[in-house]
Amino acid sequence: MGKTQLIRALQIAAAIIIVVLVVGLYKAKSDALKAEAHVRQLHRDIADTEASNRALSAEIAHLESPAHVQELAQQHLDVTPGGQSAALPENALSSRLPAPRERQTPP
């Protein structure tokens, strides 16, 4: 193998290595762009979920507010908050409670 053939073989090998490196770099860049787009989508999803959580937390706070519970009790149960005069004395509680049920033992 002569010197010119050796140089020619090295040039071909170098060209092949360069092509492989260019293809690898293109693939790496393409994969990085896809990963970056996926990360941006995940950030948008997280922001949307956090906004939804904030809205749901506000709705829960409204639904659990004493004023709302009182309003629902008045609408659906016809119950109004009473003062001290509406409270039963301790000795009258037993007359308002149902009779105790007997426990049934399994056979």
PDB file of N, CA and C in Angstrom:
ATOM      1  N   MET A   1       0.849  -1.153   0.000  1.00  0.00           N
ATOM      2  CA  MET A   1       0.000   0.000   0.000  1.00  0.00           C
ATOM      3  C   MET A   1       0.903   1.228   0.000  1.00  0.00           C
ATOM      4  N   GLY A   2       0.678   2.061  -0.981  1.00  0.00           N
ATOM      5  CA  GLY A   2       1.514   3.236  -1.121  1.00  0.00           C
ATOM      6  C   GLY A   2       1.022   4.378  -0.248  1.00  0.00           C
ATOM      7  N   LYS A   3       1.863   5.395  -0.243  1.00  0.00           N
ATOM      8  CA  LYS A   3       1.561   6.552   0.580  1.00  0.00           C
ATOM      9  C   LYS A   3       0.280   7.239   0.109  1.00  0.00           C
ATOM     10  N   THR A   4       0.061   7.324  -1.181  1.00  0.00           N
ATOM     11  CA  THR A   4      -1.142   7.972  -1.716  1.00  0.00           C
ATOM     12  C   THR A   4      -2.395   7.153  -1.396  1.00  0.00           C
ATOM     13  N   GLN A   5      -2.268   5.832  -1.431  1.00  0.00           N
ATOM     14  CA  GLN A   5      -3.416   4.987  -1.088  1.00  0.00           C
ATOM     15  C   GLN A   5      -3.764   5.121   0.397  1.00  0.00           C
ATOM     16  N   LEU A   6      -2.740   5.213   1.246  1.00  0.00           N
ATOM     17  CA  LEU A   6      -2.956   5.375   2.680  1.00  0.00           C
ATOM     18  C   LEU A   6      -3.640   6.719   2.966  1.00  0.00           C
ATOM     19  N   ILE A   7      -3.187   7.766   2.301  1.00  0.00           N
ATOM     20  CA  ILE A   7      -3.802   9.084   2.481  1.00  0.00           C
ATOM     21  C   ILE A   7      -5.250   9.051   1.997  1.00  0.00           C
ATOM     22  N   ARG A   8      -5.478   8.383   0.871  1.00  0.00           N
ATOM     23  CA  ARG A   8      -6.844   8.279   0.315  1.00  0.00           C
ATOM     24  C   ARG A   8      -7.752   7.512   1.283  1.00  0.00           C
ATOM     25  N   ALA A   9      -7.271   6.437   1.885  1.00  0.00           N
ATOM     26  CA  ALA A   9      -8.053   5.649   2.848  1.00  0.00           C
ATOM     27  C   ALA A   9      -8.357   6.483   4.095  1.00  0.00           C
ATOM     28  N   LEU A  10      -7.375   7.254   4.556  1.00  0.00           N
ATOM     29  CA  LEU A  10      -7.595   8.118   5.713  1.00  0.00           C
ATOM     30  C   LEU A  10      -8.609   9.220   5.394  1.00  0.00           C
ATOM     31  N   GLN A  11      -8.560   9.747   4.185  1.00  0.00           N
ATOM     32  CA  GLN A  11      -9.527  10.768   3.789  1.00  0.00           C
ATOM     33  C   GLN A  11     -10.952  10.194   3.744  1.00  0.00           C
ATOM     34  N   ILE A  12     -11.081   8.989   3.228  1.00  0.00           N
ATOM     35  CA  ILE A  12     -12.396   8.338   3.175  1.00  0.00           C
ATOM     36  C   ILE A  12     -12.902   8.063   4.595  1.00  0.00           C
ATOM     37  N   ALA A  13     -12.011   7.568   5.451  1.00  0.00           N
ATOM     38  CA  ALA A  13     -12.390   7.297   6.846  1.00  0.00           C
ATOM     39  C   ALA A  13     -12.789   8.596   7.550  1.00  0.00           C
ATOM     40  N   ALA A  14     -12.036   9.669   7.307  1.00  0.00           N
ATOM     41  CA  ALA A  14     -12.354  10.961   7.918  1.00  0.00           C
ATOM     42  C   ALA A  14     -13.698  11.474   7.408  1.00  0.00           C
ATOM     43  N   ALA A  15     -13.963  11.298   6.110  1.00  0.00           N
ATOM     44  CA  ALA A  15     -15.239  11.736   5.541  1.00  0.00           C
ATOM     45  C   ALA A  15     -16.393  10.949   6.160  1.00  0.00           C
ATOM     46  N   ILE A  16     -16.201   9.640   6.348  1.00  0.00           N
ATOM     47  CA  ILE A  16     -17.242   8.811   6.965  1.00  0.00           C
ATOM     48  C   ILE A  16     -17.475   9.252   8.416  1.00  0.00           C
ATOM     49  N   ILE A  17     -16.400   9.512   9.138  1.00  0.00           N
ATOM     50  CA  ILE A  17     -16.523   9.961  10.532  1.00  0.00           C
ATOM     51  C   ILE A  17     -17.251  11.303  10.591  1.00  0.00           C
ATOM     52  N   ILE A  18     -16.926  12.201   9.673  1.00  0.00           N
ATOM     53  CA  ILE A  18     -17.586  13.509   9.641  1.00  0.00           C
ATOM     54  C   ILE A  18     -19.075  13.351   9.353  1.00  0.00           C
ATOM     55  N   VAL A  19     -19.430  12.491   8.409  1.00  0.00           N
ATOM     56  CA  VAL A  19     -20.844  12.255   8.086  1.00  0.00           C
ATOM     57  C   VAL A  19     -21.574  11.683   9.299  1.00  0.00           C
ATOM     58  N   VAL A  20     -20.946  10.712   9.982  1.00  0.00           N
ATOM     59  CA  VAL A  20     -21.558  10.116  11.174  1.00  0.00           C
ATOM     60  C   VAL A  20     -21.746  11.178  12.262  1.00  0.00           C
ATOM     61  N   LEU A  21     -20.748  12.034  12.456  1.00  0.00           N
ATOM     62  CA  LEU A  21     -20.857  13.088  13.460  1.00  0.00           C
ATOM     63  C   LEU A  21     -21.948  14.098  13.106  1.00  0.00           C
ATOM     64  N   VAL A  22     -22.059  14.456  11.830  1.00  0.00           N
ATOM     65  CA  VAL A  22     -23.093  15.404  11.399  1.00  0.00           C
ATOM     66  C   VAL A  22     -24.482  14.807  11.618  1.00  0.00           C
ATOM     67  N   VAL A  23     -24.659  13.546  11.244  1.00  0.00           N
ATOM     68  CA  VAL A  23     -25.953  12.885  11.447  1.00  0.00           C
ATOM     69  C   VAL A  23     -26.269  12.788  12.944  1.00  0.00           C
ATOM     70  N   GLY A  24     -25.278  12.433  13.745  1.00  0.00           N
ATOM     71  CA  GLY A  24     -25.479  12.346  15.198  1.00  0.00           C
ATOM     72  C   GLY A  24     -25.833  13.690  15.803  1.00  0.00           C
ATOM     73  N   LEU A  25     -25.151  14.745  15.352  1.00  0.00           N
ATOM     74  CA  LEU A  25     -25.439  16.089  15.849  1.00  0.00           C
ATOM     75  C   LEU A  25     -26.848  16.522  15.463  1.00  0.00           C
ATOM     76  N   TYR A  26     -27.259  16.223  14.227  1.00  0.00           N
ATOM     77  CA  TYR A  26     -28.608  16.562  13.780  1.00  0.00           C
ATOM     78  C   TYR A  26     -29.656  15.841  14.631  1.00  0.00           C
ATOM     79  N   LYS A  27     -29.424  14.554  14.887  1.00  0.00           N
ATOM     80  CA  LYS A  27     -30.365  13.772  15.693  1.00  0.00           C
ATOM     81  C   LYS A  27     -30.420  14.311  17.121  1.00  0.00           C
ATOM     82  N   ALA A  28     -29.274  14.637  17.698  1.00  0.00           N
ATOM     83  CA  ALA A  28     -29.243  15.165  19.062  1.00  0.00           C
ATOM     84  C   ALA A  28     -29.982  16.503  19.145  1.00  0.00           C
ATOM     85  N   LYS A  29     -29.769  17.363  18.143  1.00  0.00           N
ATOM     86  CA  LYS A  29     -30.446  18.654  18.132  1.00  0.00           C
ATOM     87  C   LYS A  29     -31.951  18.470  17.967  1.00  0.00           C
ATOM     88  N   SER A  30     -32.345  17.561  17.096  1.00  0.00           N
ATOM     89  CA  SER A  30     -33.763  17.283  16.888  1.00  0.00           C
ATOM     90  C   SER A  30     -34.409  16.748  18.168  1.00  0.00           C
ATOM     91  N   ASP A  31     -33.736  15.823  18.840  1.00  0.00           N
ATOM     92  CA  ASP A  31     -34.252  15.274  20.103  1.00  0.00           C
ATOM     93  C   ASP A  31     -34.338  16.355  21.179  1.00  0.00           C
ATOM     94  N   ALA A  32     -33.363  17.246  21.217  1.00  0.00           N
ATOM     95  CA  ALA A  32     -33.373  18.325  22.206  1.00  0.00           C
ATOM     96  C   ALA A  32     -34.544  19.272  21.958  1.00  0.00           C
ATOM     97  N   LEU A  33     -34.840  19.574  20.698  1.00  0.00           N
ATOM     98  CA  LEU A  33     -35.972  20.440  20.381  1.00  0.00           C
ATOM     99  C   LEU A  33     -37.293  19.784  20.775  1.00  0.00           C
ATOM    100  N   LYS A  34     -37.406  18.474  20.525  1.00  0.00           N
ATOM    101  CA  LYS A  34     -38.623  17.755  20.926  1.00  0.00           C
ATOM    102  C   LYS A  34     -38.775  17.758  22.446  1.00  0.00           C
ATOM    103  N   ALA A  35     -37.677  17.531  23.153  1.00  0.00           N
ATOM    104  CA  ALA A  35     -37.726  17.524  24.619  1.00  0.00           C
ATOM    105  C   ALA A  35     -38.086  18.911  25.146  1.00  0.00           C
ATOM    106  N   GLU A  36     -37.547  19.940  24.528  1.00  0.00           N
ATOM    107  CA  GLU A  36     -37.852  21.310  24.951  1.00  0.00           C
ATOM    108  C   GLU A  36     -39.329  21.632  24.732  1.00  0.00           C
ATOM    109  N   ALA A  37     -39.875  21.197  23.601  1.00  0.00           N
ATOM    110  CA  ALA A  37     -41.301  21.422  23.334  1.00  0.00           C
ATOM    111  C   ALA A  37     -42.159  20.662  24.351  1.00  0.00           C
ATOM    112  N   HIS A  38     -41.738  19.459  24.696  1.00  0.00           N
ATOM    113  CA  HIS A  38     -42.470  18.664  25.686  1.00  0.00           C
ATOM    114  C   HIS A  38     -42.432  19.345  27.056  1.00  0.00           C
ATOM    115  N   VAL A  39     -41.289  19.887  27.426  1.00  0.00           N
ATOM    116  CA  VAL A  39     -41.162  20.589  28.711  1.00  0.00           C
ATOM    117  C   VAL A  39     -42.057  21.831  28.729  1.00  0.00           C
ATOM    118  N   ARG A  40     -42.099  22.569  27.619  1.00  0.00           N
ATOM    119  CA  ARG A  40     -42.978  23.740  27.551  1.00  0.00           C
ATOM    120  C   ARG A  40     -44.441  23.330  27.707  1.00  0.00           C
ATOM    121  N   GLN A  41     -44.831  22.218  27.068  1.00  0.00           N
ATOM    122  CA  GLN A  41     -46.207  21.722  27.193  1.00  0.00           C
ATOM    123  C   GLN A  41     -46.503  21.318  28.633  1.00  0.00           C
ATOM    124  N   LEU A  42     -45.546  20.675  29.285  1.00  0.00           N
ATOM    125  CA  LEU A  42     -45.735  20.287  30.686  1.00  0.00           C
ATOM    126  C   LEU A  42     -45.892  21.514  31.578  1.00  0.00           C
ATOM    127  N   HIS A  43     -45.116  22.567  31.312  1.00  0.00           N
ATOM    128  CA  HIS A  43     -45.242  23.802  32.091  1.00  0.00           C
ATOM    129  C   HIS A  43     -46.625  24.429  31.894  1.00  0.00           C
ATOM    130  N   ARG A  44     -47.126  24.393  30.652  1.00  0.00           N
ATOM    131  CA  ARG A  44     -48.474  24.916  30.402  1.00  0.00           C
ATOM    132  C   ARG A  44     -49.516  24.079  31.142  1.00  0.00           C
ATOM    133  N   ASP A  45     -49.354  22.758  31.110  1.00  0.00           N
ATOM    134  CA  ASP A  45     -50.289  21.878  31.819  1.00  0.00           C
ATOM    135  C   ASP A  45     -50.264  22.146  33.319  1.00  0.00           C
ATOM    136  N   ILE A  46     -49.075  22.343  33.863  1.00  0.00           N
ATOM    137  CA  ILE A  46     -48.945  22.632  35.301  1.00  0.00           C
ATOM    138  C   ILE A  46     -49.633  23.951  35.633  1.00  0.00           C
ATOM    139  N   ALA A  47     -49.419  24.964  34.806  1.00  0.00           N
ATOM    140  CA  ALA A  47     -50.049  26.267  35.049  1.00  0.00           C
ATOM    141  C   ALA A  47     -51.570  26.150  34.981  1.00  0.00           C
ATOM    142  N   ASP A  48     -52.074  25.393  34.002  1.00  0.00           N
ATOM    143  CA  ASP A  48     -53.524  25.198  33.892  1.00  0.00           C
ATOM    144  C   ASP A  48     -54.073  24.463  35.106  1.00  0.00           C
ATOM    145  N   THR A  49     -53.360  23.439  35.559  1.00  0.00           N
ATOM    146  CA  THR A  49     -53.802  22.668  36.719  1.00  0.00           C
ATOM    147  C   THR A  49     -53.785  23.527  37.978  1.00  0.00           C
ATOM    148  N   GLU A  50     -52.747  24.348  38.135  1.00  0.00           N
ATOM    149  CA  GLU A  50     -52.684  25.232  39.303  1.00  0.00           C
ATOM    150  C   GLU A  50     -53.816  26.254  39.275  1.00  0.00           C
ATOM    151  N   ALA A  51     -54.139  26.776  38.103  1.00  0.00           N
ATOM    152  CA  ALA A  51     -55.254  27.725  37.999  1.00  0.00           C
ATOM    153  C   ALA A  51     -56.567  27.033  38.345  1.00  0.00           C
ATOM    154  N   SER A  52     -56.724  25.815  37.868  1.00  0.00           N
ATOM    155  CA  SER A  52     -57.925  25.047  38.195  1.00  0.00           C
ATOM    156  C   SER A  52     -58.005  24.768  39.690  1.00  0.00           C
ATOM    157  N   ASN A  53     -56.872  24.437  40.301  1.00  0.00           N
ATOM    158  CA  ASN A  53     -56.842  24.192  41.749  1.00  0.00           C
ATOM    159  C   ASN A  53     -57.220  25.450  42.527  1.00  0.00           C
ATOM    160  N   ARG A  54     -56.719  26.605  42.079  1.00  0.00           N
ATOM    161  CA  ARG A  54     -57.070  27.855  42.760  1.00  0.00           C
ATOM    162  C   ARG A  54     -58.569  28.131  42.653  1.00  0.00           C
ATOM    163  N   ALA A  55     -59.134  27.891  41.466  1.00  0.00           N
ATOM    164  CA  ALA A  55     -60.573  28.114  41.286  1.00  0.00           C
ATOM    165  C   ALA A  55     -61.380  27.157  42.158  1.00  0.00           C
ATOM    166  N   LEU A  56     -60.956  25.892  42.211  1.00  0.00           N
ATOM    167  CA  LEU A  56     -61.667  24.919  43.046  1.00  0.00           C
ATOM    168  C   LEU A  56     -61.529  25.250  44.527  1.00  0.00           C
ATOM    169  N   SER A  57     -60.368  25.719  44.937  1.00  0.00           N
ATOM    170  CA  SER A  57     -60.185  26.112  46.343  1.00  0.00           C
ATOM    171  C   SER A  57     -61.094  27.279  46.701  1.00  0.00           C
ATOM    172  N   ALA A  58     -61.226  28.228  45.789  1.00  0.00           N
ATOM    173  CA  ALA A  58     -62.127  29.360  46.036  1.00  0.00           C
ATOM    174  C   ALA A  58     -63.574  28.879  46.119  1.00  0.00           C
ATOM    175  N   GLU A  59     -63.944  27.943  45.247  1.00  0.00           N
ATOM    176  CA  GLU A  59     -65.304  27.406  45.288  1.00  0.00           C
ATOM    177  C   GLU A  59     -65.556  26.643  46.587  1.00  0.00           C
ATOM    178  N   ILE A  60     -64.578  25.869  47.034  1.00  0.00           N
ATOM    179  CA  ILE A  60     -64.710  25.144  48.304  1.00  0.00           C
ATOM    180  C   ILE A  60     -64.872  26.125  49.455  1.00  0.00           C
ATOM    181  N   ALA A  61     -64.064  27.178  49.453  1.00  0.00           N
ATOM    182  CA  ALA A  61     -64.163  28.178  50.518  1.00  0.00           C
ATOM    183  C   ALA A  61     -65.551  28.810  50.534  1.00  0.00           C
ATOM    184  N   HIS A  62     -66.094  29.079  49.358  1.00  0.00           N
ATOM    185  CA  HIS A  62     -67.439  29.655  49.287  1.00  0.00           C
ATOM    186  C   HIS A  62     -68.482  28.662  49.794  1.00  0.00           C
ATOM    187  N   LEU A  63     -68.379  27.401  49.349  1.00  0.00           N
ATOM    188  CA  LEU A  63     -69.370  26.399  49.748  1.00  0.00           C
ATOM    189  C   LEU A  63     -69.305  26.072  51.233  1.00  0.00           C
ATOM    190  N   GLU A  64     -68.128  26.197  51.832  1.00  0.00           N
ATOM    191  CA  GLU A  64     -67.976  25.885  53.252  1.00  0.00           C
ATOM    192  C   GLU A  64     -68.211  27.092  54.154  1.00  0.00           C
ATOM    193  N   SER A  65     -68.456  28.237  53.568  1.00  0.00           N
ATOM    194  CA  SER A  65     -68.640  29.435  54.393  1.00  0.00           C
ATOM    195  C   SER A  65     -69.915  29.296  55.223  1.00  0.00           C
ATOM    196  N   PRO A  66     -69.883  29.773  56.454  1.00  0.00           N
ATOM    197  CA  PRO A  66     -71.061  29.662  57.318  1.00  0.00           C
ATOM    198  C   PRO A  66     -72.309  30.317  56.719  1.00  0.00           C
ATOM    199  N   ALA A  67     -72.135  31.419  56.026  1.00  0.00           N
ATOM    200  CA  ALA A  67     -73.293  32.095  55.428  1.00  0.00           C
ATOM    201  C   ALA A  67     -73.947  31.209  54.374  1.00  0.00           C
ATOM    202  N   HIS A  68     -73.139  30.541  53.559  1.00  0.00           N
ATOM    203  CA  HIS A  68     -73.679  29.671  52.517  1.00  0.00           C
ATOM    204  C   HIS A  68     -74.363  28.454  53.130  1.00  0.00           C
ATOM    205  N   VAL A  69     -73.739  27.870  54.145  1.00  0.00           N
ATOM    206  CA  VAL A  69     -74.336  26.709  54.811  1.00  0.00           C
ATOM    207  C   VAL A  69     -75.658  27.110  55.459  1.00  0.00           C
ATOM    208  N   GLN A  70     -75.691  28.275  56.069  1.00  0.00           N
ATOM    209  CA  GLN A  70     -76.924  28.763  56.695  1.00  0.00           C
ATOM    210  C   GLN A  70     -78.011  28.969  55.643  1.00  0.00           C
ATOM    211  N   GLU A  71     -77.629  29.535  54.502  1.00  0.00           N
ATOM    212  CA  GLU A  71     -78.594  29.759  53.424  1.00  0.00           C
ATOM    213  C   GLU A  71     -79.161  28.436  52.922  1.00  0.00           C
ATOM    214  N   LEU A  72     -78.298  27.441  52.729  1.00  0.00           N
ATOM    215  CA  LEU A  72     -78.765  26.127  52.278  1.00  0.00           C
ATOM    216  C   LEU A  72     -79.659  25.464  53.318  1.00  0.00           C
ATOM    217  N   ALA A  73     -79.315  25.612  54.590  1.00  0.00           N
ATOM    218  CA  ALA A  73     -80.138  25.034  55.653  1.00  0.00           C
ATOM    219  C   ALA A  73     -81.520  25.673  55.658  1.00  0.00           C
ATOM    220  N   GLN A  74     -81.589  26.961  55.421  1.00  0.00           N
ATOM    221  CA  GLN A  74     -82.888  27.626  55.385  1.00  0.00           C
ATOM    222  C   GLN A  74     -83.689  27.200  54.164  1.00  0.00           C
ATOM    223  N   GLN A  75     -83.036  27.044  53.013  1.00  0.00           N
ATOM    224  CA  GLN A  75     -83.736  26.682  51.782  1.00  0.00           C
ATOM    225  C   GLN A  75     -84.234  25.242  51.804  1.00  0.00           C
ATOM    226  N   HIS A  76     -83.365  24.314  52.165  1.00  0.00           N
ATOM    227  CA  HIS A  76     -83.682  22.898  52.003  1.00  0.00           C
ATOM    228  C   HIS A  76     -84.224  22.238  53.263  1.00  0.00           C
ATOM    229  N   LEU A  77     -83.847  22.721  54.419  1.00  0.00           N
ATOM    230  CA  LEU A  77     -84.249  22.066  55.662  1.00  0.00           C
ATOM    231  C   LEU A  77     -85.213  22.904  56.483  1.00  0.00           C
ATOM    232  N   ASP A  78     -85.464  24.104  56.029  1.00  0.00           N
ATOM    233  CA  ASP A  78     -86.304  25.038  56.766  1.00  0.00           C
ATOM    234  C   ASP A  78     -85.810  25.190  58.198  1.00  0.00           C
ATOM    235  N   VAL A  79     -84.499  25.300  58.320  1.00  0.00           N
ATOM    236  CA  VAL A  79     -83.862  25.457  59.623  1.00  0.00           C
ATOM    237  C   VAL A  79     -83.274  26.856  59.677  1.00  0.00           C
ATOM    238  N   THR A  80     -83.540  27.538  60.745  1.00  0.00           N
ATOM    239  CA  THR A  80     -82.955  28.859  60.942  1.00  0.00           C
ATOM    240  C   THR A  80     -82.116  28.827  62.200  1.00  0.00           C
ATOM    241  N   PRO A  81     -81.077  29.617  62.243  1.00  0.00           N
ATOM    242  CA  PRO A  81     -80.255  29.616  63.448  1.00  0.00           C
ATOM    243  C   PRO A  81     -81.047  30.197  64.615  1.00  0.00           C
ATOM    244  N   GLY A  82     -80.909  29.563  65.736  1.00  0.00           N
ATOM    245  CA  GLY A  82     -81.655  30.013  66.902  1.00  0.00           C
ATOM    246  C   GLY A  82     -80.741  30.663  67.912  1.00  0.00           C
ATOM    247  N   GLY A  83     -81.340  31.345  68.807  1.00  0.00           N
ATOM    248  CA  GLY A  83     -80.573  31.968  69.871  1.00  0.00           C
ATOM    249  C   GLY A  83     -80.561  31.054  71.084  1.00  0.00           C
ATOM    250  N   GLN A  84     -80.251  31.600  72.219  1.00  0.00           N
ATOM    251  CA  GLN A  84     -80.228  30.828  73.457  1.00  0.00           C
ATOM    252  C   GLN A  84     -81.619  30.330  73.811  1.00  0.00           C
ATOM    253  N   SER A  85     -82.647  31.080  73.460  1.00  0.00           N
ATOM    254  CA  SER A  85     -84.008  30.683  73.811  1.00  0.00           C
ATOM    255  C   SER A  85     -84.448  29.434  73.057  1.00  0.00           C
ATOM    256  N   ALA A  86     -83.856  29.160  71.896  1.00  0.00           N
ATOM    257  CA  ALA A  86     -84.242  27.987  71.118  1.00  0.00           C
ATOM    258  C   ALA A  86     -83.559  26.726  71.608  1.00  0.00           C
ATOM    259  N   ALA A  87     -82.543  26.854  72.423  1.00  0.00           N
ATOM    260  CA  ALA A  87     -81.830  25.680  72.918  1.00  0.00           C
ATOM    261  C   ALA A  87     -82.673  24.993  73.983  1.00  0.00           C
ATOM    262  N   LEU A  88     -82.646  23.672  73.952  1.00  0.00           N
ATOM    263  CA  LEU A  88     -83.399  22.893  74.937  1.00  0.00           C
ATOM    264  C   LEU A  88     -82.615  22.809  76.234  1.00  0.00           C
ATOM    265  N   PRO A  89     -83.307  22.830  77.343  1.00  0.00           N
ATOM    266  CA  PRO A  89     -82.602  22.584  78.596  1.00  0.00           C
ATOM    267  C   PRO A  89     -82.143  21.133  78.653  1.00  0.00           C
ATOM    268  N   GLU A  90     -81.163  20.875  79.461  1.00  0.00           N
ATOM    269  CA  GLU A  90     -80.566  19.540  79.515  1.00  0.00           C
ATOM    270  C   GLU A  90     -81.575  18.470  79.907  1.00  0.00           C
ATOM    271  N   ASN A  91     -82.480  18.764  80.810  1.00  0.00           N
ATOM    272  CA  ASN A  91     -83.436  17.746  81.240  1.00  0.00           C
ATOM    273  C   ASN A  91     -84.497  17.462  80.181  1.00  0.00           C
ATOM    274  N   ALA A  92     -84.655  18.314  79.166  1.00  0.00           N
ATOM    275  CA  ALA A  92     -85.635  18.079  78.108  1.00  0.00           C
ATOM    276  C   ALA A  92     -85.045  17.310  76.934  1.00  0.00           C
ATOM    277  N   LEU A  93     -83.749  17.093  76.938  1.00  0.00           N
ATOM    278  CA  LEU A  93     -83.123  16.389  75.817  1.00  0.00           C
ATOM    279  C   LEU A  93     -83.616  14.957  75.703  1.00  0.00           C
ATOM    280  N   SER A  94     -83.768  14.270  76.835  1.00  0.00           N
ATOM    281  CA  SER A  94     -84.162  12.858  76.780  1.00  0.00           C
ATOM    282  C   SER A  94     -85.561  12.693  76.205  1.00  0.00           C
ATOM    283  N   SER A  95     -86.422  13.668  76.377  1.00  0.00           N
ATOM    284  CA  SER A  95     -87.771  13.548  75.814  1.00  0.00           C
ATOM    285  C   SER A  95     -87.767  13.759  74.302  1.00  0.00           C
ATOM    286  N   ARG A  96     -86.765  14.417  73.770  1.00  0.00           N
ATOM    287  CA  ARG A  96     -86.686  14.679  72.330  1.00  0.00           C
ATOM    288  C   ARG A  96     -85.916  13.612  71.573  1.00  0.00           C
ATOM    289  N   LEU A  97     -85.111  12.823  72.283  1.00  0.00           N
ATOM    290  CA  LEU A  97     -84.307  11.799  71.623  1.00  0.00           C
ATOM    291  C   LEU A  97     -85.128  10.544  71.412  1.00  0.00           C
ATOM    292  N   PRO A  98     -84.859   9.790  70.357  1.00  0.00           N
ATOM    293  CA  PRO A  98     -85.578   8.527  70.168  1.00  0.00           C
ATOM    294  C   PRO A  98     -85.133   7.519  71.221  1.00  0.00           C
ATOM    295  N   ALA A  99     -85.971   6.530  71.423  1.00  0.00           N
ATOM    296  CA  ALA A  99     -85.639   5.493  72.406  1.00  0.00           C
ATOM    297  C   ALA A  99     -84.423   4.719  71.921  1.00  0.00           C
ATOM    298  N   PRO A 100     -83.575   4.279  72.846  1.00  0.00           N
ATOM    299  CA  PRO A 100     -82.398   3.521  72.429  1.00  0.00           C
ATOM    300  C   PRO A 100     -82.800   2.178  71.835  1.00  0.00           C
ATOM    301  N   ARG A 101     -82.067   1.772  70.827  1.00  0.00           N
ATOM    302  CA  ARG A 101     -82.327   0.485  70.184  1.00  0.00           C
ATOM    303  C   ARG A 101     -81.536  -0.589  70.895  1.00  0.00           C
ATOM    304  N   GLU A 102     -82.125  -1.762  70.957  1.00  0.00           N
ATOM    305  CA  GLU A 102     -81.422  -2.878  71.578  1.00  0.00           C
ATOM    306  C   GLU A 102     -80.448  -3.458  70.570  1.00  0.00           C
ATOM    307  N   ARG A 103     -79.308  -3.854  71.057  1.00  0.00           N
ATOM    308  CA  ARG A 103     -78.300  -4.450  70.182  1.00  0.00           C
ATOM    309  C   ARG A 103     -78.701  -5.881  69.887  1.00  0.00           C
ATOM    310  N   GLN A 104     -78.620  -6.224  68.654  1.00  0.00           N
ATOM    311  CA  GLN A 104     -78.927  -7.599  68.273  1.00  0.00           C
ATOM    312  C   GLN A 104     -77.615  -8.346  68.164  1.00  0.00           C
ATOM    313  N   THR A 105     -77.546  -9.459  68.846  1.00  0.00           N
ATOM    314  CA  THR A 105     -76.333 -10.267  68.790  1.00  0.00           C
ATOM    315  C   THR A 105     -76.472 -11.271  67.666  1.00  0.00           C
ATOM    316  N   PRO A 106     -75.421 -11.493  66.923  1.00  0.00           N
ATOM    317  CA  PRO A 106     -75.502 -12.458  65.821  1.00  0.00           C
ATOM    318  C   PRO A 106     -75.669 -13.867  66.373  1.00  0.00           C
ATOM    319  N   PRO A 107     -76.431 -14.733  65.674  1.00  0.00           N
ATOM    320  CA  PRO A 107     -76.663 -16.109  66.165  1.00  0.00           C
ATOM    321  C   PRO A 107     -75.417 -16.946  66.177  1.00  0.00           C
TER     322      PRO A 107
END
